[in-house]
Protein backbone atom coordinates (compact mmCIF):
# COMPACT_ATOMS: atom_id res chain seq x y z
CA MET A 1 32.00 -29.66 54.52
CA LYS A 2 29.99 -26.46 54.53
CA SER A 3 26.48 -26.86 53.12
CA THR A 4 25.97 -24.77 50.41
CA TYR A 5 21.83 -22.73 50.34
CA PHE A 6 20.06 -20.81 47.74
CA LEU A 7 17.39 -18.87 48.30
CA LEU A 8 14.97 -17.85 45.38
CA PRO A 9 12.76 -15.70 45.37
CA LEU A 10 9.41 -15.46 47.64
CA SER A 11 7.89 -15.52 44.50
CA LEU A 12 8.74 -18.40 43.20
CA PHE A 13 8.11 -20.12 46.43
CA LEU A 14 4.97 -19.12 46.10
CA CYS A 15 4.21 -20.47 42.60
CA ILE A 16 5.44 -23.94 42.60
CA GLY A 17 2.74 -26.05 42.16
CA CYS A 18 0.03 -23.31 40.81
CA SER A 19 -0.23 -23.80 38.38
CA GLN A 20 -3.85 -22.85 37.88
CA LYS A 21 -4.95 -19.11 36.59
CA THR A 22 -6.28 -17.36 40.17
CA PHE A 23 -9.74 -16.63 40.01
CA ARG A 24 -11.32 -13.70 38.76
CA ILE A 25 -14.33 -11.96 36.94
CA ILE A 26 -13.30 -9.81 34.84
CA ASP A 27 -16.91 -7.46 33.57
CA LYS A 28 -18.27 -7.23 30.30
CA PRO A 29 -21.47 -5.14 30.67
CA ILE A 30 -24.11 -6.19 27.70
CA VAL A 31 -25.94 -3.33 27.58
CA TRP A 32 -28.43 -2.64 30.41
CA ASN A 33 -30.62 0.16 29.19
CA LYS A 34 -34.03 1.70 30.13
CA GLU A 35 -35.47 -0.50 26.43
CA ARG A 36 -34.13 -3.88 28.36
CA ARG A 37 -35.18 -3.30 32.43
CA LEU A 38 -38.95 -2.34 30.64
CA LEU A 39 -38.65 -5.52 29.31
CA SER A 40 -37.73 -7.26 32.03
CA ILE A 41 -39.88 -5.88 34.33
CA ASP A 42 -42.93 -6.70 31.12
CA TYR A 43 -41.24 -10.09 31.26
CA LEU A 44 -41.53 -11.24 34.83
CA LYS A 45 -44.96 -9.58 34.99
CA ASN A 46 -46.64 -11.58 31.81
CA ARG A 47 -44.04 -14.31 31.75
CA HIS A 48 -43.88 -15.29 35.69
CA GLY A 49 -46.87 -13.64 37.24
CA ILE A 50 -44.90 -10.80 39.34
CA THR A 51 -45.25 -7.15 38.78
CA THR A 52 -43.07 -5.14 40.45
CA ASP A 53 -41.45 -1.76 38.91
CA SER A 54 -37.42 -3.70 40.17
CA ALA A 55 -35.77 -5.70 37.18
CA THR A 56 -34.35 -8.12 39.73
CA ILE A 57 -33.46 -11.38 40.76
CA ASN A 58 -33.46 -13.01 44.56
CA PRO A 59 -30.68 -15.98 43.30
CA LYS A 60 -31.71 -19.11 44.22
CA ILE A 61 -30.57 -21.31 40.77
CA VAL A 62 -27.35 -21.55 38.75
CA VAL A 63 -27.68 -22.90 35.59
CA LEU A 64 -25.65 -24.14 33.46
CA HIS A 65 -25.43 -23.82 29.66
CA TRP A 66 -23.53 -23.78 26.40
CA THR A 67 -24.11 -20.64 24.23
CA ALA A 68 -23.76 -23.05 20.90
CA ILE A 69 -22.35 -20.03 19.19
CA PRO A 70 -18.12 -20.69 18.37
CA SER A 71 -16.70 -17.85 20.08
CA LEU A 72 -16.62 -15.55 23.00
CA GLU A 73 -17.33 -12.78 20.79
CA ALA A 74 -19.61 -13.36 18.72
CA SER A 75 -21.69 -14.97 22.05
CA TYR A 76 -21.72 -11.66 23.58
CA ASP A 77 -22.61 -10.27 19.75
CA ALA A 78 -25.16 -12.49 21.00
CA MET A 79 -26.90 -11.31 23.81
CA ASN A 80 -25.96 -7.51 23.21
CA PRO A 81 -28.95 -5.67 22.08
CA PRO A 82 -31.64 -5.70 24.52
CA THR A 83 -34.04 -7.69 22.20
CA LEU A 84 -33.44 -10.64 19.82
CA ARG A 85 -32.64 -9.92 17.22
CA ASN A 86 -33.31 -14.02 15.32
CA THR A 87 -36.89 -15.61 13.24
CA ARG A 88 -36.95 -17.24 16.65
CA LYS A 89 -40.31 -18.03 16.49
CA ASP A 90 -40.84 -19.71 18.92
CA LEU A 91 -38.57 -17.12 21.51
CA THR A 92 -40.52 -13.70 19.98
CA ASN A 93 -43.68 -15.08 20.60
CA ALA A 94 -43.16 -15.35 24.43
CA SER A 95 -41.18 -11.51 24.59
CA ILE A 96 -39.41 -9.42 22.39
CA LEU A 97 -36.82 -9.42 24.92
CA ASN A 98 -33.28 -11.06 24.27
CA VAL A 99 -31.23 -14.12 26.00
CA SER A 100 -28.81 -12.65 28.15
CA SER A 101 -27.06 -14.22 30.97
CA HIS A 102 -25.27 -12.76 34.00
CA PHE A 103 -21.81 -14.43 32.93
CA LEU A 104 -20.00 -15.73 29.91
CA ILE A 105 -16.80 -18.28 29.99
CA ASP A 106 -14.66 -18.97 27.07
CA ARG A 107 -13.35 -21.64 26.09
CA ASP A 108 -9.69 -21.09 28.44
CA GLY A 109 -11.52 -20.51 31.68
CA THR A 110 -11.67 -16.42 31.24
CA ILE A 111 -15.23 -15.63 33.53
CA PHE A 112 -16.42 -12.50 31.93
CA ARG A 113 -19.49 -10.96 34.07
CA GLN A 114 -22.51 -9.36 31.67
CA LEU A 115 -25.10 -8.78 33.95
CA PRO A 116 -25.17 -7.84 38.02
CA ASP A 117 -25.41 -11.16 40.05
CA THR A 118 -29.72 -9.45 41.12
CA ALA A 119 -30.13 -8.00 36.89
CA PHE A 120 -32.68 -10.00 35.75
CA ALA A 121 -31.67 -12.09 32.68
CA ARG A 122 -33.89 -14.17 30.54
CA HIS A 123 -31.89 -17.59 30.27
CA VAL A 124 -34.53 -20.25 31.24
CA ILE A 125 -38.04 -21.07 30.93
CA GLY A 126 -39.57 -20.62 34.03
CA LEU A 127 -36.85 -19.71 36.92
CA ASN A 128 -35.68 -16.84 34.89
CA TYR A 129 -37.06 -15.20 38.62
CA CYS A 130 -34.73 -16.87 40.63
CA ALA A 131 -31.74 -18.30 38.53
CA ILE A 132 -28.50 -17.06 37.66
CA GLY A 133 -26.83 -17.66 34.19
CA ILE A 134 -23.82 -19.04 32.83
CA GLU A 135 -23.47 -19.43 30.19
CA ASN A 136 -19.59 -21.00 28.09
CA VAL A 137 -18.60 -21.28 25.31
CA GLY A 138 -18.88 -24.39 23.36
CA SER A 139 -22.33 -26.67 22.09
CA ASN A 140 -22.84 -30.18 21.06
CA LYS A 141 -19.48 -30.55 18.99
CA ALA A 142 -17.15 -28.86 20.77
CA LYS A 143 -17.19 -29.89 24.25
CA LEU A 144 -16.89 -27.48 27.17
CA THR A 145 -13.21 -28.27 27.86
CA LYS A 146 -11.35 -29.07 31.46
CA ALA A 147 -10.53 -25.12 32.07
CA GLN A 148 -14.63 -23.90 31.92
CA LEU A 149 -14.96 -26.97 34.13
CA LYS A 150 -12.45 -25.95 36.94
CA ALA A 151 -14.11 -21.75 35.65
CA ASN A 152 -17.67 -23.04 36.77
CA GLU A 153 -16.36 -24.81 39.71
CA GLN A 154 -15.06 -21.48 41.25
CA LEU A 155 -17.84 -19.06 40.14
CA ILE A 156 -20.67 -21.67 41.42
CA ARG A 157 -18.18 -22.23 45.04
CA TYR A 158 -18.19 -17.69 44.43
CA LEU A 159 -22.28 -17.44 43.90
CA GLN A 160 -23.07 -20.18 46.81
CA LYS A 161 -21.22 -17.38 50.11
CA LYS A 162 -22.77 -14.69 48.29
CA TYR A 163 -26.25 -16.23 48.13
CA PRO A 164 -28.79 -18.70 49.28
CA ILE A 165 -28.55 -21.30 45.74
CA GLU A 166 -30.14 -24.11 46.59
CA TYR A 167 -29.75 -26.20 42.88
CA VAL A 168 -27.00 -26.19 40.60
CA ILE A 169 -28.04 -27.52 36.94
CA GLY A 170 -27.94 -27.94 33.62
CA HIS A 171 -30.51 -26.41 30.90
CA TYR A 172 -31.43 -29.62 29.72
CA GLU A 173 -32.69 -30.16 33.45
CA TYR A 174 -35.40 -27.72 33.57
CA ASN A 175 -38.42 -29.20 32.90
CA ASP A 176 -37.89 -31.85 35.64
CA PHE A 177 -38.70 -28.70 38.04
CA ARG A 178 -42.37 -28.19 36.79
CA LYS A 179 -43.90 -28.99 40.05
CA HIS A 180 -41.68 -27.33 41.74
CA PRO A 181 -42.39 -24.41 44.23
CA LEU A 182 -39.43 -22.93 42.15
CA TRP A 183 -41.90 -22.98 39.01
CA LYS A 184 -43.60 -19.71 37.74
CA GLU A 185 -44.41 -20.25 34.21
CA THR A 186 -47.87 -18.80 32.43
CA ASP A 187 -48.62 -20.58 29.78
CA THR A 188 -48.01 -24.40 30.80
CA THR A 189 -46.97 -24.89 26.46
CA TYR A 190 -44.05 -22.60 26.48
CA ARG A 191 -41.30 -25.27 26.17
CA THR A 192 -38.10 -25.92 24.19
CA GLU A 193 -35.53 -28.70 24.03
CA LYS A 194 -32.86 -28.27 25.34
CA THR A 195 -29.07 -30.32 25.98
CA ASP A 196 -26.69 -27.36 27.28
CA PRO A 197 -24.46 -27.90 28.85
CA GLY A 198 -24.15 -31.78 28.96
CA LYS A 199 -25.17 -34.90 31.20
CA ARG A 200 -21.27 -35.41 31.34
CA PHE A 201 -20.13 -32.10 32.02
CA MET A 202 -23.06 -31.52 34.53
CA LYS A 203 -21.88 -34.74 36.52
CA ARG A 204 -18.46 -33.72 36.47
CA ILE A 205 -19.31 -30.43 37.35
CA ARG A 206 -21.73 -32.18 40.79
CA LYS A 207 -18.91 -34.41 41.58
CA HIS A 208 -16.60 -31.42 41.90
CA ILE A 209 -19.35 -29.80 44.03
CA LYS A 210 -20.28 -31.90 45.96
CA ASP A 211 -19.13 -31.03 49.65
CA LEU A 212 -21.98 -28.49 49.02
CA HIS A 213 -23.99 -30.88 49.52
CA ILE A 214 -26.79 -28.21 47.09
CA ASN A 215 -29.62 -30.33 46.33
CA ALA A 216 -30.06 -32.20 43.49
CA VAL A 217 -32.60 -31.74 40.55
CA PRO A 218 -35.74 -32.72 41.98
CA ILE A 219 -37.64 -35.51 40.71
CA TYR A 220 -41.78 -36.40 40.75
CA LYS A 221 -43.66 -39.32 40.08
């Protein structure tokens, strides 16, 4: 009895078991103009004590955030203007430079690049000058998704291959660096309370990137 063979398209074989999206970054730049550049240089000098004519960073830390804004477009719109457009005195008293991040990840895991990796962004007190920021659309009530977890893992792996990343932290952990050599904040009283992106999410992301051997958050007695 002859055996019957069926020839299937090669693409079908390649896709079997591949439920994850292909890793890609979509450019969605926020405004980077002279005003934002000069405000960034001013922030580096006044808040971090770094005098430079270049609004750039040398990445050593990746900081994960959530936007506390319900949609991607609203999150993008909040970070797009060069200057702050709200009444939060805890931020505007330090600088009118708007908050921003290098990457913005939607609920479905789509990754958008808002700024070049080495551009300065205001997103974490004391560490902006060496930190890449990753914002995730979500909040304490809208917990980050499995797709966002996977996207953050892929993005961290991508960045770790490009730069000497020493730490991956949640925004709420920035205070743990107050006695660390990387900490640079000229005002010892300038602090904001943060919970993002949640302790459970950070526990999960650290489990996923354990093989990268990235340093734990420093602990001082």
